Protein backbone atom coordinates (compact mmCIF):
# COMPACT_ATOMS: atom_id res chain seq x y z
CA UNK A 1 26.52 -37.44 72.73
CA UNK A 2 28.51 -34.19 72.31
CA UNK A 3 30.94 -33.47 75.12
CA UNK A 4 30.82 -30.13 76.98
CA UNK A 5 33.18 -27.51 75.59
CA UNK A 6 36.46 -27.20 77.47
CA UNK A 7 37.76 -23.75 78.51
CA UNK A 8 40.45 -24.07 75.82
CA UNK A 9 37.88 -24.78 73.13
CA UNK A 10 35.74 -21.88 74.30
CA UNK A 11 38.75 -19.54 74.33
CA UNK A 12 39.67 -20.59 70.79
CA UNK A 13 36.15 -19.96 69.57
CA UNK A 14 36.07 -16.55 71.25
CA UNK A 15 39.38 -15.71 69.58
CA UNK A 16 38.00 -16.81 66.20
CA UNK A 17 34.93 -14.63 66.74
CA UNK A 18 37.09 -11.64 67.64
CA UNK A 19 39.05 -12.16 64.42
CA UNK A 20 35.90 -12.40 62.28
CA UNK A 21 34.41 -9.24 63.76
CA UNK A 22 37.68 -7.38 63.25
CA UNK A 23 38.09 -8.57 59.66
CA UNK A 24 34.52 -7.60 58.83
CA UNK A 25 34.84 -4.05 60.13
CA UNK A 26 38.37 -3.67 58.79
CA UNK A 27 37.14 -4.41 55.28
CA UNK A 28 34.91 -1.33 55.45
CA UNK A 29 37.64 0.83 56.96
CA UNK A 30 40.02 -0.25 54.20
CA UNK A 31 37.53 1.12 51.66
CA UNK A 32 37.27 4.35 53.67
CA UNK A 33 41.05 4.68 53.79
CA UNK A 34 41.07 4.70 49.98
CA UNK A 35 38.33 7.37 49.86
CA UNK A 36 40.25 9.39 52.47
CA UNK A 37 43.52 9.24 50.52
CA UNK A 38 41.92 10.11 47.17
CA UNK A 39 40.05 13.04 48.71
CA UNK A 40 43.16 14.33 50.48
CA UNK A 41 45.02 14.28 47.17
CA UNK A 42 42.27 16.33 45.52
CA UNK A 43 42.35 18.84 48.38
CA UNK A 44 46.13 19.19 48.05
CA UNK A 45 46.27 19.58 44.27
CA UNK A 46 43.17 21.51 43.24
CA UNK A 47 42.85 25.15 44.30
CA UNK A 48 40.22 26.27 44.84
CA UNK A 49 38.50 22.92 45.37
CA UNK A 50 34.92 22.80 44.02
CA UNK A 51 32.16 20.23 44.33
CA UNK A 52 32.60 19.22 40.69
CA UNK A 53 36.14 18.09 41.53
CA UNK A 54 34.72 15.48 43.91
CA UNK A 55 33.20 13.61 40.97
CA UNK A 56 36.69 12.13 40.59
CA UNK A 57 35.92 10.05 43.69
CA UNK A 58 32.96 8.26 42.12
CA UNK A 59 34.76 5.30 40.52
CA UNK A 60 36.18 4.37 43.94
CA UNK A 61 32.86 4.96 45.71
CA UNK A 62 30.93 2.85 43.20
CA UNK A 63 33.47 0.04 43.42
CA UNK A 64 32.96 -0.28 47.18
CA UNK A 65 29.16 -0.14 47.11
CA UNK A 66 27.37 -3.44 47.62
CA UNK A 67 27.91 -6.32 50.00
CA UNK A 68 28.34 -4.82 53.45
CA UNK A 69 28.47 -1.22 52.23
CA UNK A 70 25.04 0.31 51.62
CA UNK A 71 26.25 3.91 51.28
CA UNK A 72 29.63 5.61 51.04
CA UNK A 73 31.08 9.03 50.39
CA UNK A 74 32.91 12.16 51.45
CA UNK A 75 31.35 14.82 53.65
CA UNK A 76 33.06 18.18 53.30
CA UNK A 77 33.96 20.40 56.22
CA UNK A 78 31.85 23.59 56.07
CA UNK A 79 33.60 26.20 53.95
CA UNK A 80 35.98 23.76 52.24
CA UNK A 81 34.50 24.04 48.74
CA UNK A 82 34.54 27.27 46.79
CA UNK A 83 31.05 26.81 45.33
CA UNK A 84 29.25 24.85 48.07
CA UNK A 85 29.75 25.84 51.72
CA UNK A 86 28.07 22.54 52.72
CA UNK A 87 28.29 19.41 50.60
CA UNK A 88 28.12 15.59 50.61
CA UNK A 89 29.49 13.49 47.78
CA UNK A 90 27.40 10.52 48.95
CA UNK A 91 26.16 7.52 47.00
CA UNK A 92 23.89 4.66 48.00
CA UNK A 93 23.35 1.07 46.92
CA UNK A 94 20.04 0.68 45.08
CA UNK A 95 17.80 -2.30 44.38
CA UNK A 96 18.27 -1.60 40.67
CA UNK A 97 21.98 -2.21 41.04
CA UNK A 98 22.85 1.35 40.07
CA UNK A 99 24.39 3.84 42.55
CA UNK A 100 22.03 6.65 43.58
CA UNK A 101 23.26 9.99 44.87
CA UNK A 102 21.86 11.18 48.18
CA UNK A 103 20.57 14.75 47.97
CA UNK A 104 19.87 16.78 51.12
CA UNK A 105 18.84 20.36 51.82
CA UNK A 106 22.16 22.07 52.56
CA UNK A 107 20.89 25.65 52.67
CA UNK A 108 21.52 27.01 56.20
CA UNK A 109 18.66 29.47 55.71
CA UNK A 110 16.14 26.67 55.24
CA UNK A 111 14.11 25.13 58.07
CA UNK A 112 14.93 21.72 56.53
CA UNK A 113 18.69 22.38 56.57
CA UNK A 114 20.71 19.19 57.14
CA UNK A 115 23.53 20.13 59.53
CA UNK A 116 25.63 16.97 59.40
CA UNK A 117 28.30 18.33 61.76
CA UNK A 118 26.21 17.36 64.81
CA UNK A 119 26.16 13.64 63.99
CA UNK A 120 28.54 11.36 65.88
CA UNK A 121 30.02 9.94 62.66
CA UNK A 122 31.17 13.49 61.74
CA UNK A 123 31.82 14.93 65.19
CA UNK A 124 34.09 12.03 66.22
CA UNK A 125 36.59 12.38 63.35
CA UNK A 126 36.46 16.19 63.48
CA UNK A 127 37.44 15.98 67.18
CA UNK A 128 40.41 13.75 66.42
CA UNK A 129 39.08 10.17 66.50
CA UNK A 130 40.92 8.12 63.87
CA UNK A 131 38.08 5.60 63.46
CA UNK A 132 34.48 5.99 64.52
CA UNK A 133 31.56 3.56 64.49
CA UNK A 134 28.18 5.17 65.14
CA UNK A 135 25.12 3.09 66.01
CA UNK A 136 23.30 0.87 65.66
CA UNK A 137 20.48 3.32 64.94
CA UNK A 138 17.48 3.60 62.62
CA UNK A 139 18.60 5.76 59.71
CA UNK A 140 15.42 7.76 59.15
CA UNK A 141 17.23 10.33 56.99
CA UNK A 142 18.53 7.96 54.32
CA UNK A 143 17.33 4.36 54.27
CA UNK A 144 14.95 3.69 57.20
CA UNK A 145 17.23 0.73 57.94
CA UNK A 146 18.85 -0.29 61.22
CA UNK A 147 22.40 0.82 60.48
CA UNK A 148 25.98 1.47 61.49
CA UNK A 149 28.02 4.37 60.14
CA UNK A 150 31.78 3.96 60.02
CA UNK A 151 33.94 7.04 59.45
CA UNK A 152 37.50 8.38 59.32
CA UNK A 153 38.86 11.94 59.19
CA UNK A 154 40.27 13.42 56.00
CA UNK A 155 43.16 15.85 56.37
CA UNK A 156 45.25 17.80 53.88
CA UNK A 157 48.30 19.85 54.80
CA UNK A 158 47.63 19.05 58.44
CA UNK A 159 44.13 20.55 58.34
CA UNK A 160 40.85 18.72 58.77
CA UNK A 161 38.86 18.93 55.51
CA UNK A 162 36.01 16.49 56.11
CA UNK A 163 35.03 12.88 56.71
CA UNK A 164 35.00 9.70 54.66
CA UNK A 165 32.09 7.52 55.82
CA UNK A 166 30.15 4.38 54.97
CA UNK A 167 26.77 3.00 56.04
CA UNK A 168 26.44 -0.70 56.85
CA UNK A 169 23.05 -2.28 57.47
CA UNK A 170 23.09 -4.15 60.79
CA UNK A 171 21.42 -7.14 59.18
CA UNK A 172 24.32 -7.43 56.73
CA UNK A 173 26.86 -7.12 59.54
CA UNK A 174 25.02 -9.84 61.46
CA UNK A 175 25.07 -12.13 58.42
CA UNK A 176 28.85 -11.81 58.41
CA UNK A 177 29.54 -12.34 62.13
CA UNK A 178 26.64 -14.18 63.80
CA UNK A 179 27.55 -17.62 62.36
CA UNK A 180 30.90 -17.51 64.17
CA UNK A 181 29.27 -16.06 67.30
CA UNK A 182 26.95 -19.05 67.36
CA UNK A 183 29.98 -21.33 67.61
CA UNK A 184 30.82 -19.76 70.99
CA UNK A 185 29.07 -21.90 73.64
CA UNK A 186 28.63 -19.02 76.11
CA UNK A 187 26.72 -15.74 75.75
CA UNK A 188 28.75 -13.53 73.41
CA UNK A 189 28.02 -10.26 71.66
CA UNK A 190 29.71 -7.41 69.80
CA UNK A 191 29.68 -3.91 71.29
CA UNK A 192 30.63 -0.51 69.95
CA UNK A 193 32.98 1.83 71.78
CA UNK A 194 29.90 3.41 73.37
CA UNK A 195 28.77 0.00 74.67
CA UNK A 196 25.90 -0.49 72.23
CA UNK A 197 25.29 -4.11 71.23
CA UNK A 198 25.69 -4.64 67.48
CA UNK A 199 25.33 -8.43 67.12
CA UNK A 200 24.72 -11.26 69.58
CA UNK A 201 24.39 -15.03 69.88
CA UNK A 202 21.64 -14.87 72.50
CA UNK A 203 18.24 -13.23 72.79
CA UNK A 204 19.08 -12.01 76.31
CA UNK A 205 21.49 -9.43 74.88
CA UNK A 206 19.75 -7.89 71.88
CA UNK A 207 21.09 -5.49 69.29
CA UNK A 208 20.78 -1.82 70.17
CA UNK A 209 20.74 -2.35 73.94
CA UNK A 210 23.59 -1.11 76.11
CA UNK A 211 26.23 -3.13 77.94
CA UNK A 212 27.68 -1.25 80.92
CA UNK A 213 29.75 -4.08 82.31
CA UNK A 214 28.60 -7.06 84.32
CA UNK A 215 30.27 -9.63 86.55
CA UNK A 216 31.09 -12.85 84.75
CA UNK A 217 31.86 -11.25 81.38
CA UNK A 218 35.20 -10.45 79.76
CA UNK A 219 35.72 -7.77 77.10
CA UNK A 220 37.97 -8.71 74.16
CA UNK A 221 38.95 -5.63 72.08
CA UNK A 222 39.25 -5.90 68.32
CA UNK A 223 42.73 -4.43 67.82
CA UNK A 224 42.71 -0.95 66.37
CA UNK A 225 38.92 -0.82 65.99
CA UNK A 226 36.18 0.80 68.09
CA UNK A 227 34.55 -2.62 68.58
CA UNK A 228 34.90 -5.37 71.19
CA UNK A 229 33.58 -8.86 71.74
CA UNK A 230 32.03 -9.50 75.15
CA UNK A 231 31.83 -13.14 76.29
CA UNK A 232 30.87 -14.89 79.52
CA UNK A 233 33.93 -16.23 81.29
CA UNK A 234 34.50 -19.57 82.99
CA UNK A 235 33.67 -18.15 86.42
CA UNK A 236 30.15 -17.25 85.28
CA UNK A 237 29.24 -20.87 84.44
CA UNK A 238 26.91 -19.56 81.73
CA UNK A 239 25.99 -21.47 78.59
CA UNK A 240 23.75 -20.56 75.68
CA UNK A 241 20.71 -22.89 75.53
CA UNK A 242 20.30 -24.10 71.97
CA UNK A 243 16.75 -22.77 71.85
CA UNK A 244 18.07 -19.28 72.58
CA UNK A 245 20.71 -19.24 69.86
CA UNK A 246 19.81 -16.58 67.35
CA UNK A 247 18.86 -18.03 63.98
CA UNK A 248 19.71 -16.38 60.65
């Protein structure tokens, strides 16, 4: 008969889960860092910068599509480009296996104008956040999928010129991290910086709900990322009944 987990074993499993969550998100941010650097180089070397110049980003964008990344691109700061005051160089994964460009109405005079500057994934980097994770939310504008958007600011010559961002379907993120969460014998779940639950090992704490702090739980930050793992501590005496473990 299996023996109850000791505090040391539980702590080791929590640490392993923190590492897996961090590695998973870091893989996406590493892709965004490449997009950021390539875009910054274009902004520094091409004057005036035009939307056609951003086609040079496509090999890198296409290479990172697939797996966790369902969409990726550069979103220009308004007024950056000489021939397009508003513009997204954004590409999405497609069931055909070929990248598909996202097209939105970017005419400010139109009632259907897509003002991307109001979204958290843009507003965070433009306000100085080095890494932003927005969601989970239902992405009605692009995929109708439950999603996360990860983003970083792009600067050139010390000036903010836009955002490099990527969409990750929550179900894909869960596939990457829930197996290791299920190894933790106490309630454990991943939260965003805003306290939104992203993935969990128990049905009591479901994705999309908010965690505002609760006695008996410890928060374990993922170093350098706007994500944390929350796990019940020894004082709580909580365990996850096997029937409540989330199955995937």
